[in-house]
Amino acid sequence: MRLTKRRQGARKSLTPYDLPNIDIHQTANELIKQHGDDAPIHTAMRADELLDAGDLDGQTVWKQILAAVEELLLIRRLHSPPRTIRPRAAPACP
């Protein structure tokens, strides 16, 4: 995902405030599709990589994506039917 845009022929880095909320949620959805319940881990790792590289704006964006991933996973869990635990059948006695 490239976080730059063109303005009058010159590149300007996007700040975390320039990225539309819909892009944050689309990225979060894509990460959930790719990584399932591990999406928060992968997202946090990316945020850490950007912090290590000194890209504070990029890290801030990925922290926003992380919050969206966690929110979407929570919503999914709340709206999924509860799992029923069935007791195991007792072993047959010989």
C-alpha atoms as a PDB file:
ATOM      1  CA  MET A   1       0.000   0.000   0.000  1.00  0.00           C
ATOM      2  CA  ARG A   2       1.553   3.278  -1.083  1.00  0.00           C
ATOM      3  CA  LEU A   3       0.838   6.256   1.120  1.00  0.00           C
ATOM      4  CA  THR A   4       1.788   9.024  -1.263  1.00  0.00           C
ATOM      5  CA  LYS A   5      -0.130  11.193  -3.673  1.00  0.00           C
ATOM      6  CA  ARG A   6       0.812  13.576  -6.439  1.00  0.00           C
ATOM      7  CA  ARG A   7       0.192  17.268  -6.094  1.00  0.00           C
ATOM      8  CA  GLN A   8       1.314  19.616  -8.875  1.00  0.00           C
ATOM      9  CA  GLY A   9       3.840  17.065 -10.118  1.00  0.00           C
ATOM     10  CA  ALA A  10       5.613  16.728  -6.774  1.00  0.00           C
ATOM     11  CA  ARG A  11       5.222  13.918  -4.299  1.00  0.00           C
ATOM     12  CA  LYS A  12       4.003  14.749  -0.858  1.00  0.00           C
ATOM     13  CA  SER A  13       3.784  12.152   1.878  1.00  0.00           C
ATOM     14  CA  LEU A  14       0.354  11.687   3.312  1.00  0.00           C
ATOM     15  CA  THR A  15      -0.060  12.450   6.943  1.00  0.00           C
ATOM     16  CA  PRO A  16      -2.239  10.145   9.017  1.00  0.00           C
ATOM     17  CA  TYR A  17      -4.967  12.760   8.768  1.00  0.00           C
ATOM     18  CA  ASP A  18      -5.006  12.675   4.942  1.00  0.00           C
ATOM     19  CA  LEU A  19      -5.918   8.999   4.659  1.00  0.00           C
ATOM     20  CA  PRO A  20      -9.693   8.565   4.373  1.00  0.00           C
ATOM     21  CA  ASN A  21     -11.353   6.394   6.993  1.00  0.00           C
ATOM     22  CA  ILE A  22     -12.706   4.131   4.231  1.00  0.00           C
ATOM     23  CA  ASP A  23      -9.119   3.295   3.194  1.00  0.00           C
ATOM     24  CA  ILE A  24      -8.280   2.380   6.777  1.00  0.00           C
ATOM     25  CA  HIS A  25     -11.240  -0.019   6.946  1.00  0.00           C
ATOM     26  CA  GLN A  26     -10.620  -1.477   3.486  1.00  0.00           C
ATOM     27  CA  THR A  27      -7.032  -2.217   4.474  1.00  0.00           C
ATOM     28  CA  ALA A  28      -8.222  -3.719   7.765  1.00  0.00           C
ATOM     29  CA  ASN A  29     -10.708  -5.948   5.920  1.00  0.00           C
ATOM     30  CA  GLU A  30      -8.021  -7.110   3.502  1.00  0.00           C
ATOM     31  CA  LEU A  31      -5.677  -7.963   6.380  1.00  0.00           C
ATOM     32  CA  ILE A  32      -8.444  -9.965   8.070  1.00  0.00           C
ATOM     33  CA  LYS A  33      -9.075 -11.842   4.798  1.00  0.00           C
ATOM     34  CA  GLN A  34      -5.373 -12.634   4.480  1.00  0.00           C
ATOM     35  CA  HIS A  35      -4.511 -13.406   8.102  1.00  0.00           C
ATOM     36  CA  GLY A  36      -7.786 -14.120   9.926  1.00  0.00           C
ATOM     37  CA  ASP A  37      -7.493 -13.865  13.698  1.00  0.00           C
ATOM     38  CA  ASP A  38      -3.747 -13.230  13.329  1.00  0.00           C
ATOM     39  CA  ALA A  39      -4.386  -9.928  11.499  1.00  0.00           C
ATOM     40  CA  PRO A  40      -3.723  -7.797  14.611  1.00  0.00           C
ATOM     41  CA  ILE A  41      -0.307  -9.423  15.029  1.00  0.00           C
ATOM     42  CA  HIS A  42       0.688  -8.767  11.409  1.00  0.00           C
ATOM     43  CA  THR A  43      -0.627  -5.208  11.592  1.00  0.00           C
ATOM     44  CA  ALA A  44       1.255  -4.455  14.804  1.00  0.00           C
ATOM     45  CA  MET A  45       4.440  -5.910  13.298  1.00  0.00           C
ATOM     46  CA  ARG A  46       4.103  -3.564  10.308  1.00  0.00           C
ATOM     47  CA  ALA A  47       3.585  -0.582  12.625  1.00  0.00           C
ATOM     48  CA  ASP A  48       6.727  -1.602  14.538  1.00  0.00           C
ATOM     49  CA  GLU A  49       8.729  -1.907  11.296  1.00  0.00           C
ATOM     50  CA  LEU A  50       7.743   1.619  10.326  1.00  0.00           C
ATOM     51  CA  LEU A  51       8.634   2.937  13.776  1.00  0.00           C
ATOM     52  CA  ASP A  52      12.028   1.241  13.571  1.00  0.00           C
ATOM     53  CA  ALA A  53      12.543   2.881  10.159  1.00  0.00           C
ATOM     54  CA  GLY A  54      11.718   6.288  11.662  1.00  0.00           C
ATOM     55  CA  ASP A  55       8.459   6.677   9.710  1.00  0.00           C
ATOM     56  CA  LEU A  56       6.262   8.074  12.467  1.00  0.00           C
ATOM     57  CA  ASP A  57       3.427   9.051  10.124  1.00  0.00           C
ATOM     58  CA  GLY A  58       3.406   5.564   8.622  1.00  0.00           C
ATOM     59  CA  GLN A  59       3.425   4.022  12.075  1.00  0.00           C
ATOM     60  CA  THR A  60       0.488   6.218  13.087  1.00  0.00           C
ATOM     61  CA  VAL A  61      -1.489   5.086  10.030  1.00  0.00           C
ATOM     62  CA  TRP A  62      -0.800   1.433  10.805  1.00  0.00           C
ATOM     63  CA  LYS A  63      -1.853   1.961  14.418  1.00  0.00           C
ATOM     64  CA  GLN A  64      -5.139   3.307  13.045  1.00  0.00           C
ATOM     65  CA  ILE A  65      -5.406   0.232  10.832  1.00  0.00           C
ATOM     66  CA  LEU A  66      -4.690  -1.948  13.884  1.00  0.00           C
ATOM     67  CA  ALA A  67      -7.541  -0.291  15.785  1.00  0.00           C
ATOM     68  CA  ALA A  68      -9.855  -0.914  12.811  1.00  0.00           C
ATOM     69  CA  VAL A  69      -8.750  -4.572  12.575  1.00  0.00           C
ATOM     70  CA  GLU A  70      -9.463  -5.096  16.263  1.00  0.00           C
ATOM     71  CA  GLU A  71     -12.836  -3.355  15.957  1.00  0.00           C
ATOM     72  CA  LEU A  72     -13.871  -5.436  12.935  1.00  0.00           C
ATOM     73  CA  LEU A  73     -12.797  -8.685  14.583  1.00  0.00           C
ATOM     74  CA  LEU A  74     -14.746  -7.772  17.722  1.00  0.00           C
ATOM     75  CA  ILE A  75     -17.850  -6.992  15.669  1.00  0.00           C
ATOM     76  CA  ARG A  76     -17.457 -10.309  13.857  1.00  0.00           C
ATOM     77  CA  ARG A  77     -17.203 -12.187  17.159  1.00  0.00           C
ATOM     78  CA  LEU A  78     -20.205 -10.400  18.645  1.00  0.00           C
ATOM     79  CA  HIS A  79     -22.371 -11.142  15.612  1.00  0.00           C
ATOM     80  CA  SER A  80     -21.338 -14.746  15.111  1.00  0.00           C
ATOM     81  CA  PRO A  81     -23.545 -17.412  16.634  1.00  0.00           C
ATOM     82  CA  PRO A  82     -22.321 -18.750  19.959  1.00  0.00           C
ATOM     83  CA  ARG A  83     -20.493 -22.026  19.858  1.00  0.00           C
ATOM     84  CA  THR A  84     -22.160 -24.816  21.713  1.00  0.00           C
ATOM     85  CA  ILE A  85     -20.044 -27.225  23.636  1.00  0.00           C
ATOM     86  CA  ARG A  86     -21.406 -30.705  23.411  1.00  0.00           C
ATOM     87  CA  PRO A  87     -20.418 -33.225  26.032  1.00  0.00           C
ATOM     88  CA  ARG A  88     -18.424 -36.136  24.790  1.00  0.00           C
ATOM     89  CA  ALA A  89     -20.153 -39.445  24.733  1.00  0.00           C
ATOM     90  CA  ALA A  90     -19.106 -41.727  27.528  1.00  0.00           C
ATOM     91  CA  PRO A  91     -16.888 -44.551  26.352  1.00  0.00           C
ATOM     92  CA  ALA A  92     -18.692 -47.823  25.891  1.00  0.00           C
ATOM     93  CA  CYS A  93     -18.092 -50.278  28.683  1.00  0.00           C
ATOM     94  CA  PRO A  94     -17.010 -53.733  27.503  1.00  0.00           C
END
